[in-house]
Protein backbone atom coordinates (compact mmCIF):
# COMPACT_ATOMS: atom_id res chain seq x y z
CA MET A 1 -2.86 -3.02 -41.28
CA SER A 2 -3.83 -6.11 -43.23
CA VAL A 3 -2.21 -9.39 -42.25
CA ASN A 4 -3.44 -11.65 -45.03
CA THR A 5 -0.03 -12.91 -46.12
CA GLY A 6 -0.47 -16.23 -44.36
CA HIS A 7 2.25 -15.28 -41.89
CA ILE A 8 0.16 -14.34 -38.89
CA ASN A 9 1.96 -13.47 -35.71
CA PRO A 10 0.54 -15.83 -33.05
CA ALA A 11 1.00 -13.07 -30.49
CA ASP A 12 -1.71 -11.10 -32.33
CA ILE A 13 -4.14 -13.99 -31.81
CA LYS A 14 -3.17 -14.53 -28.19
CA THR A 15 -3.56 -10.83 -27.39
CA GLY A 16 -6.85 -10.52 -29.30
CA ARG A 17 -5.57 -8.14 -31.99
CA ILE A 18 -6.66 -10.75 -34.55
CA SER A 19 -9.71 -12.90 -33.94
CA SER A 20 -9.37 -16.59 -34.65
CA GLY A 21 -12.27 -16.43 -37.11
CA GLN A 22 -10.39 -13.98 -39.30
CA ILE A 23 -7.44 -16.30 -39.85
CA GLY A 24 -8.98 -18.97 -42.05
CA SER A 25 -11.00 -16.39 -43.99
CA GLY A 26 -7.97 -14.42 -45.16
CA ARG A 27 -9.48 -11.31 -43.53
CA ALA A 28 -7.07 -11.11 -40.63
CA THR A 29 -6.65 -7.51 -39.59
CA THR A 30 -5.45 -5.86 -36.47
CA GLY A 31 -7.61 -3.51 -34.46
CA ARG A 32 -11.36 -3.20 -35.09
CA ARG A 33 -13.17 -5.62 -37.34
CA ALA A 34 -13.36 -4.13 -40.81
CA GLY A 35 -16.80 -3.08 -41.98
CA THR A 36 -18.56 -3.60 -38.63
CA PRO A 37 -17.80 -0.57 -36.44
CA ASP A 38 -21.47 0.03 -35.52
CA ALA A 39 -22.81 -3.54 -35.83
CA PRO A 40 -24.67 -4.96 -32.80
CA HIS A 41 -22.54 -7.22 -30.64
CA ASP A 42 -23.11 -10.94 -31.25
CA TRP A 43 -21.92 -12.78 -28.13
CA GLN A 44 -22.44 -16.24 -29.68
CA GLN A 45 -20.16 -15.25 -32.53
CA ASP A 46 -17.56 -14.07 -30.00
CA TRP A 47 -17.67 -17.49 -28.37
CA GLU A 48 -16.95 -19.05 -31.71
CA GLN A 49 -14.45 -16.55 -33.10
CA ASP A 50 -12.86 -14.69 -30.22
CA TRP A 51 -11.98 -17.69 -28.07
CA ALA A 52 -8.38 -16.50 -27.67
CA SER A 53 -9.48 -13.70 -25.34
CA ARG A 54 -10.63 -16.35 -22.85
CA GLY A 55 -7.54 -18.58 -23.07
CA ALA A 56 -5.47 -19.45 -20.03
CA CYS A 57 -2.49 -18.04 -21.94
CA ARG A 58 -4.06 -14.61 -22.57
CA ASN A 59 -1.79 -12.99 -19.97
CA THR A 60 1.23 -15.17 -20.73
CA ASP A 61 4.20 -13.93 -22.69
CA PRO A 62 3.55 -15.38 -26.19
CA ASP A 63 7.24 -16.20 -26.54
CA ALA A 64 6.85 -18.67 -23.66
CA LEU A 65 4.57 -20.78 -25.87
CA PHE A 66 6.95 -20.84 -28.84
CA VAL A 67 9.87 -22.75 -27.37
CA GLN A 68 11.77 -25.93 -28.18
CA GLY A 69 12.80 -29.10 -26.41
CA ALA A 70 11.94 -29.69 -22.75
CA ALA A 71 10.61 -26.15 -22.44
CA GLN A 72 7.61 -27.28 -24.52
CA ASN A 73 6.45 -29.50 -21.66
CA ARG A 74 6.47 -26.49 -19.35
CA ALA A 75 4.61 -24.45 -21.96
CA LYS A 76 1.94 -27.17 -22.23
CA LEU A 77 1.19 -26.77 -18.52
CA VAL A 78 -0.39 -23.39 -19.30
CA CYS A 79 -3.06 -25.28 -21.27
CA ASN A 80 -4.11 -27.51 -18.37
CA GLY A 81 -7.64 -26.57 -17.39
CA CYS A 82 -7.94 -23.93 -20.11
CA PRO A 83 -11.62 -23.31 -20.98
CA VAL A 84 -10.87 -22.93 -24.71
CA ARG A 85 -8.23 -25.61 -25.13
CA THR A 86 -10.27 -27.46 -27.74
CA GLN A 87 -10.95 -24.34 -29.83
CA CYS A 88 -7.25 -23.49 -29.69
CA LEU A 89 -6.21 -26.97 -30.80
CA ALA A 90 -8.80 -27.00 -33.60
CA GLU A 91 -7.51 -23.62 -34.79
CA ALA A 92 -3.94 -24.91 -34.97
CA LEU A 93 -4.92 -28.16 -36.67
CA ASP A 94 -7.26 -26.57 -39.22
CA ASN A 95 -4.68 -23.94 -40.14
CA ARG A 96 -1.73 -26.36 -40.03
CA THR A 97 0.05 -24.06 -37.57
CA GLU A 98 3.65 -25.17 -37.57
CA PHE A 99 5.09 -23.55 -34.47
CA GLY A 100 4.29 -23.29 -30.79
CA VAL A 101 2.13 -25.02 -28.24
CA TRP A 102 -1.55 -24.77 -29.14
CA GLY A 103 -4.34 -26.52 -27.27
CA GLY A 104 -1.83 -28.40 -25.15
CA MET A 105 -0.02 -29.98 -28.10
CA THR A 106 3.39 -29.30 -29.58
CA GLU A 107 3.94 -28.99 -33.31
CA ARG A 108 5.31 -32.56 -33.39
CA GLU A 109 2.24 -33.91 -31.59
CA ARG A 110 -0.08 -32.03 -33.95
CA ARG A 111 1.73 -33.34 -37.02
CA ALA A 112 1.42 -36.90 -35.68
CA LEU A 113 -2.32 -36.41 -35.09
CA LEU A 114 -2.79 -35.02 -38.60
CA ARG A 115 -0.99 -38.07 -40.04
CA ARG A 116 -3.14 -40.46 -37.96
CA ARG A 117 -6.42 -38.80 -38.99
CA PRO A 118 -6.01 -37.58 -42.61
CA GLU A 119 -9.75 -37.97 -43.23
CA VAL A 120 -10.62 -35.11 -40.86
CA ARG A 121 -11.27 -32.03 -42.99
CA SER A 122 -12.41 -29.72 -40.20
CA TRP A 123 -11.07 -30.26 -36.69
CA ARG A 124 -13.43 -27.61 -35.40
CA ALA A 125 -16.42 -29.60 -36.69
CA PHE A 126 -14.85 -32.87 -35.52
CA PHE A 127 -14.41 -31.59 -31.95
CA LYS A 128 -17.87 -29.99 -31.87
CA GLU A 129 -19.46 -33.29 -32.94
CA ALA A 130 -17.43 -35.21 -30.34
CA GLN A 131 -18.62 -32.75 -27.69
CA ARG A 132 -22.26 -33.19 -28.76
CA GLU A 133 -21.88 -36.97 -28.61
CA PHE A 134 -20.22 -36.80 -25.20
CA GLU A 135 -22.91 -34.53 -23.81
CA GLY A 136 -25.58 -36.82 -25.28
CA GLY A 137 -24.03 -39.88 -23.67
CA VAL A 138 -23.01 -41.57 -26.93
CA LEU A 139 -20.17 -44.05 -26.43
CA PRO A 140 -17.55 -44.52 -29.18
CA ALA A 141 -18.83 -48.09 -29.85
CA GLN A 142 -22.35 -46.70 -30.47
CA ARG A 143 -21.29 -44.19 -33.15
CA HIS A 144 -21.18 -46.59 -36.06
CA GLY A 145 -23.70 -49.16 -35.05
């Protein structure tokens, strides 16, 4: 079943029925990846696209992450220490996901971040560059000077 209407059920991402890489491409489908049933397995690509299968929330009821009010703070606790928190947040920011807790941020917090940083075109690239700089020991003051 094709899910390219732009209305992707977040539960499909969280449960791995849709890979995160399929969302932005408009190729979101449930089940097997279309056109690649016998292709060799690319583990690096999985790291990039199928991050949701490694999320701390993978065994959590998806409805617990799509709550309102004070319950959002409890939902954000699931993200603490998650190994793919940054990928999750980048996914939500790049796709302007309106609902739920993603990458430890509520929809209100994500909207505020998007307003503060309108120049960022790809949050995935932004976070990857920040990680490279951090790992390389580059301090924020050294970036532009």
